[in-house]
């Protein structure tokens, strides 16, 4: 299967975990969109679920498919969140945020009993870091915050270029929460747990794309089917 076919296979298998009456978190990105579309087909056939989207884009797609939507204020406890990942390792540590929704994705995921990750085989790595780590920061003093990010990352043997993300027109990219994202090209991250905790102590950092201890299960599309990675 191609990478996109692997994503779709993982998304379809994730439907096995969805039961009538569940409250679901819907992720953001190309793999998550496969799940939303597949879920929409089930809803059209009579499946009763209520969903909280992690981005405006996902919300619009889900609404167009007739999926009932809510928010965390009205639906604070979710059964499962299904979302993609930019990278994941065998310990179910993730890098997310390539689509710019890491903050809402993490809030929704941690409001859920379980987070199920869906991905193609290329996303599974031995060590995190080939994919640039996104860090969401408030616009005020962003350049100062970025310098501090570099200093703290260096304490964890992570060095490399930090670049503020631009949109398709070359203008500063804003998240749905009106923040900037800095993409940190560190290469391999020796201590993801420590780095994640340290970055979030920096004033001006809203959150970072390391998802540690959040995912419970990953469904990985493979060239000839799907594989499951579970917490041991």
Protein backbone atom coordinates (compact mmCIF):
# COMPACT_ATOMS: atom_id res chain seq x y z
CA UNK A 1 0.00 0.00 0.00
CA UNK A 2 1.04 3.59 -0.54
CA UNK A 3 1.54 5.87 2.45
CA UNK A 4 -1.93 7.36 1.96
CA UNK A 5 -3.49 3.91 1.73
CA UNK A 6 -1.70 2.97 4.96
CA UNK A 7 -3.17 6.05 6.65
CA UNK A 8 -6.64 5.13 5.46
CA UNK A 9 -6.26 1.51 6.61
CA UNK A 10 -5.22 2.68 10.09
CA UNK A 11 -8.12 5.13 10.22
CA UNK A 12 -10.67 2.50 9.25
CA UNK A 13 -9.35 0.06 11.85
CA UNK A 14 -9.69 2.75 14.51
CA UNK A 15 -13.45 2.64 13.94
CA UNK A 16 -13.43 -0.74 15.69
CA UNK A 17 -12.91 1.15 18.96
CA UNK A 18 -15.89 3.44 18.44
CA UNK A 19 -19.14 2.40 20.10
CA UNK A 20 -22.62 3.99 19.93
CA UNK A 21 -23.09 6.82 22.40
CA UNK A 22 -19.38 7.62 22.68
CA UNK A 23 -17.96 11.09 22.97
CA UNK A 24 -14.95 11.41 20.68
CA UNK A 25 -12.08 13.81 20.10
CA UNK A 26 -11.30 14.33 16.42
CA UNK A 27 -7.69 15.05 15.47
CA UNK A 28 -6.21 17.29 12.81
CA UNK A 29 -4.18 16.43 9.71
CA UNK A 30 -4.34 14.20 6.66
CA UNK A 31 -4.51 10.92 8.60
CA UNK A 32 -7.12 12.22 11.02
CA UNK A 33 -9.20 13.40 8.08
CA UNK A 34 -9.38 9.83 6.81
CA UNK A 35 -10.87 8.87 10.17
CA UNK A 36 -13.35 11.76 10.13
CA UNK A 37 -14.55 10.78 6.66
CA UNK A 38 -14.89 7.13 7.65
CA UNK A 39 -16.72 8.15 10.82
CA UNK A 40 -19.03 10.32 8.74
CA UNK A 41 -20.05 7.28 6.72
CA UNK A 42 -20.92 5.42 9.93
CA UNK A 43 -22.89 8.39 11.21
CA UNK A 44 -24.85 8.47 7.95
CA UNK A 45 -25.71 4.81 8.61
CA UNK A 46 -27.07 5.65 12.07
CA UNK A 47 -24.08 5.66 14.45
CA UNK A 48 -24.81 8.01 17.38
CA UNK A 49 -21.70 9.86 18.59
CA UNK A 50 -20.81 13.38 19.71
CA UNK A 51 -17.40 14.77 18.74
CA UNK A 52 -15.07 17.56 19.83
CA UNK A 53 -12.77 18.73 17.00
CA UNK A 54 -9.18 19.84 17.64
CA UNK A 55 -9.17 22.54 14.97
CA UNK A 56 -11.46 24.78 12.95
CA UNK A 57 -10.56 22.78 9.84
CA UNK A 58 -11.54 19.47 11.40
CA UNK A 59 -14.74 20.99 12.75
CA UNK A 60 -15.77 22.21 9.30
CA UNK A 61 -15.10 18.80 7.74
CA UNK A 62 -17.01 16.95 10.45
CA UNK A 63 -19.97 19.32 10.23
CA UNK A 64 -20.12 18.88 6.46
CA UNK A 65 -20.45 15.12 7.03
CA UNK A 66 -23.31 15.48 9.48
CA UNK A 67 -21.28 14.56 12.59
CA UNK A 68 -22.71 16.03 15.80
CA UNK A 69 -20.21 18.44 17.36
CA UNK A 70 -19.65 19.82 20.82
CA UNK A 71 -16.87 21.54 22.77
CA UNK A 72 -14.98 20.79 25.97
CA UNK A 73 -17.01 23.28 28.00
CA UNK A 74 -20.20 21.33 27.28
CA UNK A 75 -18.55 17.91 26.92
CA UNK A 76 -15.55 17.89 29.26
CA UNK A 77 -15.09 14.10 29.41
CA UNK A 78 -14.34 12.17 26.22
CA UNK A 79 -14.12 8.43 25.71
CA UNK A 80 -11.41 8.40 23.06
CA UNK A 81 -9.51 10.79 20.83
CA UNK A 82 -8.30 9.57 17.46
CA UNK A 83 -5.48 11.61 15.97
CA UNK A 84 -2.41 11.29 13.78
CA UNK A 85 1.26 11.90 14.60
CA UNK A 86 4.25 13.34 12.80
CA UNK A 87 6.49 10.83 14.59
CA UNK A 88 6.02 8.11 17.20
CA UNK A 89 8.32 5.67 18.90
CA UNK A 90 7.66 2.23 20.38
CA UNK A 91 7.06 3.82 23.80
CA UNK A 92 4.17 5.78 22.29
CA UNK A 93 5.91 9.12 22.65
CA UNK A 94 4.90 11.45 19.85
CA UNK A 95 5.85 14.57 17.98
CA UNK A 96 2.75 16.41 16.81
CA UNK A 97 1.96 19.87 15.54
CA UNK A 98 2.90 19.74 11.88
CA UNK A 99 -0.62 20.92 11.11
CA UNK A 100 -0.41 23.74 13.64
CA UNK A 101 -2.99 22.39 16.11
CA UNK A 102 -0.76 20.91 18.83
CA UNK A 103 -2.25 22.89 21.73
CA UNK A 104 -5.87 21.98 21.07
CA UNK A 105 -4.83 18.44 20.15
CA UNK A 106 -3.11 18.00 23.51
CA UNK A 107 -6.00 19.54 25.47
CA UNK A 108 -8.53 17.27 23.78
CA UNK A 109 -6.33 14.17 24.06
CA UNK A 110 -5.82 14.65 27.80
CA UNK A 111 -9.57 15.14 28.28
CA UNK A 112 -10.05 11.60 26.94
CA UNK A 113 -9.94 8.21 28.59
CA UNK A 114 -7.72 7.00 25.74
CA UNK A 115 -5.83 8.54 22.86
CA UNK A 116 -5.57 6.34 19.80
CA UNK A 117 -2.89 7.32 17.29
CA UNK A 118 -3.27 6.45 13.61
CA UNK A 119 -0.29 6.67 11.27
CA UNK A 120 1.46 5.18 8.29
CA UNK A 121 4.60 3.09 8.75
CA UNK A 122 6.97 5.96 7.94
CA UNK A 123 5.96 7.78 11.13
CA UNK A 124 7.38 5.06 13.44
CA UNK A 125 10.96 5.88 14.46
CA UNK A 126 13.59 4.56 16.84
CA UNK A 127 14.25 8.01 18.32
CA UNK A 128 12.19 11.15 17.98
CA UNK A 129 13.56 14.25 16.31
CA UNK A 130 13.92 13.91 12.56
CA UNK A 131 10.65 15.83 12.27
CA UNK A 132 11.12 19.43 13.47
CA UNK A 133 9.63 19.90 16.93
CA UNK A 134 6.88 22.54 16.95
CA UNK A 135 6.68 24.85 19.96
CA UNK A 136 3.70 27.18 20.32
CA UNK A 137 4.47 30.59 21.84
CA UNK A 138 2.50 33.76 22.45
CA UNK A 139 3.36 36.59 20.03
CA UNK A 140 4.44 39.02 22.77
CA UNK A 141 8.21 38.79 23.14
CA UNK A 142 8.33 35.82 20.77
CA UNK A 143 11.93 36.41 19.69
CA UNK A 144 13.08 36.43 23.32
CA UNK A 145 11.10 33.26 23.98
CA UNK A 146 12.72 31.61 20.96
CA UNK A 147 16.20 32.41 22.26
CA UNK A 148 15.28 30.88 25.61
CA UNK A 149 13.95 27.77 23.84
CA UNK A 150 17.32 27.35 22.15
CA UNK A 151 19.17 27.77 25.46
CA UNK A 152 17.01 25.22 27.28
CA UNK A 153 17.14 22.75 24.41
CA UNK A 154 20.93 22.96 24.45
CA UNK A 155 20.88 21.68 28.02
CA UNK A 156 19.34 18.50 26.63
CA UNK A 157 21.90 18.17 23.79
CA UNK A 158 19.42 19.51 21.27
CA UNK A 159 20.82 22.14 18.93
CA UNK A 160 19.71 23.36 15.55
CA UNK A 161 17.76 26.01 13.72
CA UNK A 162 14.58 27.55 15.14
CA UNK A 163 12.31 29.14 12.56
CA UNK A 164 8.99 30.87 13.05
CA UNK A 165 6.43 29.15 10.86
CA UNK A 166 4.99 31.10 7.94
CA UNK A 167 1.69 30.57 6.19
CA UNK A 168 1.23 29.79 2.51
CA UNK A 169 1.66 33.46 1.66
CA UNK A 170 4.87 33.92 3.61
CA UNK A 171 3.15 35.78 6.43
CA UNK A 172 3.48 34.68 10.09
CA UNK A 173 1.41 31.56 10.75
CA UNK A 174 -1.15 31.89 13.54
CA UNK A 175 -2.68 28.92 15.33
CA UNK A 176 -6.42 28.74 16.00
CA UNK A 177 -5.55 30.24 19.40
CA UNK A 178 -3.74 33.18 17.71
CA UNK A 179 -0.23 32.08 18.71
CA UNK A 180 3.01 31.61 16.76
CA UNK A 181 4.74 28.29 16.17
CA UNK A 182 8.51 27.87 16.11
CA UNK A 183 9.76 24.74 14.35
CA UNK A 184 12.91 23.41 16.02
CA UNK A 185 15.21 21.32 13.84
CA UNK A 186 17.07 19.43 16.57
CA UNK A 187 17.63 16.04 15.00
CA UNK A 188 17.49 13.15 17.45
CA UNK A 189 16.13 14.09 20.87
CA UNK A 190 18.02 12.08 23.53
CA UNK A 191 15.60 12.85 26.39
CA UNK A 192 12.09 13.65 25.09
CA UNK A 193 10.54 13.45 28.56
CA UNK A 194 12.96 15.93 30.09
CA UNK A 195 12.90 18.31 27.14
CA UNK A 196 9.11 18.40 27.04
CA UNK A 197 8.89 19.33 30.72
CA UNK A 198 11.65 21.94 30.53
CA UNK A 199 10.25 23.71 27.47
CA UNK A 200 6.89 24.18 29.13
CA UNK A 201 8.52 26.04 32.04
CA UNK A 202 9.70 28.84 29.74
CA UNK A 203 7.57 31.99 30.08
CA UNK A 204 5.92 32.62 26.72
CA UNK A 205 5.79 28.94 25.72
CA UNK A 206 2.19 27.77 25.57
CA UNK A 207 3.03 24.12 24.86
CA UNK A 208 5.26 21.95 22.73
CA UNK A 209 4.67 19.13 20.27
CA UNK A 210 6.08 16.35 22.43
CA UNK A 211 3.19 14.19 23.62
CA UNK A 212 4.57 12.15 26.51
CA UNK A 213 2.49 9.59 28.42
CA UNK A 214 -0.69 10.55 26.57
CA UNK A 215 -1.21 7.98 23.80
CA UNK A 216 -2.54 4.58 24.88
CA UNK A 217 -2.49 2.81 21.53
CA UNK A 218 -1.21 3.29 18.00
CA UNK A 219 -2.62 1.74 14.85
CA UNK A 220 0.04 1.77 12.15
CA UNK A 221 -0.75 1.15 8.50
CA UNK A 222 1.80 -1.21 7.00
CA UNK A 223 2.52 -2.24 3.40
CA UNK A 224 0.37 -5.33 3.92
CA UNK A 225 -2.12 -4.39 6.64
CA UNK A 226 -2.04 -2.74 10.07
CA UNK A 227 0.03 -3.17 13.21
CA UNK A 228 -0.82 -2.29 16.81
CA UNK A 229 1.56 -0.66 19.29
CA UNK A 230 0.29 -0.73 22.87
CA UNK A 231 1.69 0.42 26.19
CA UNK A 232 3.57 -2.37 27.93
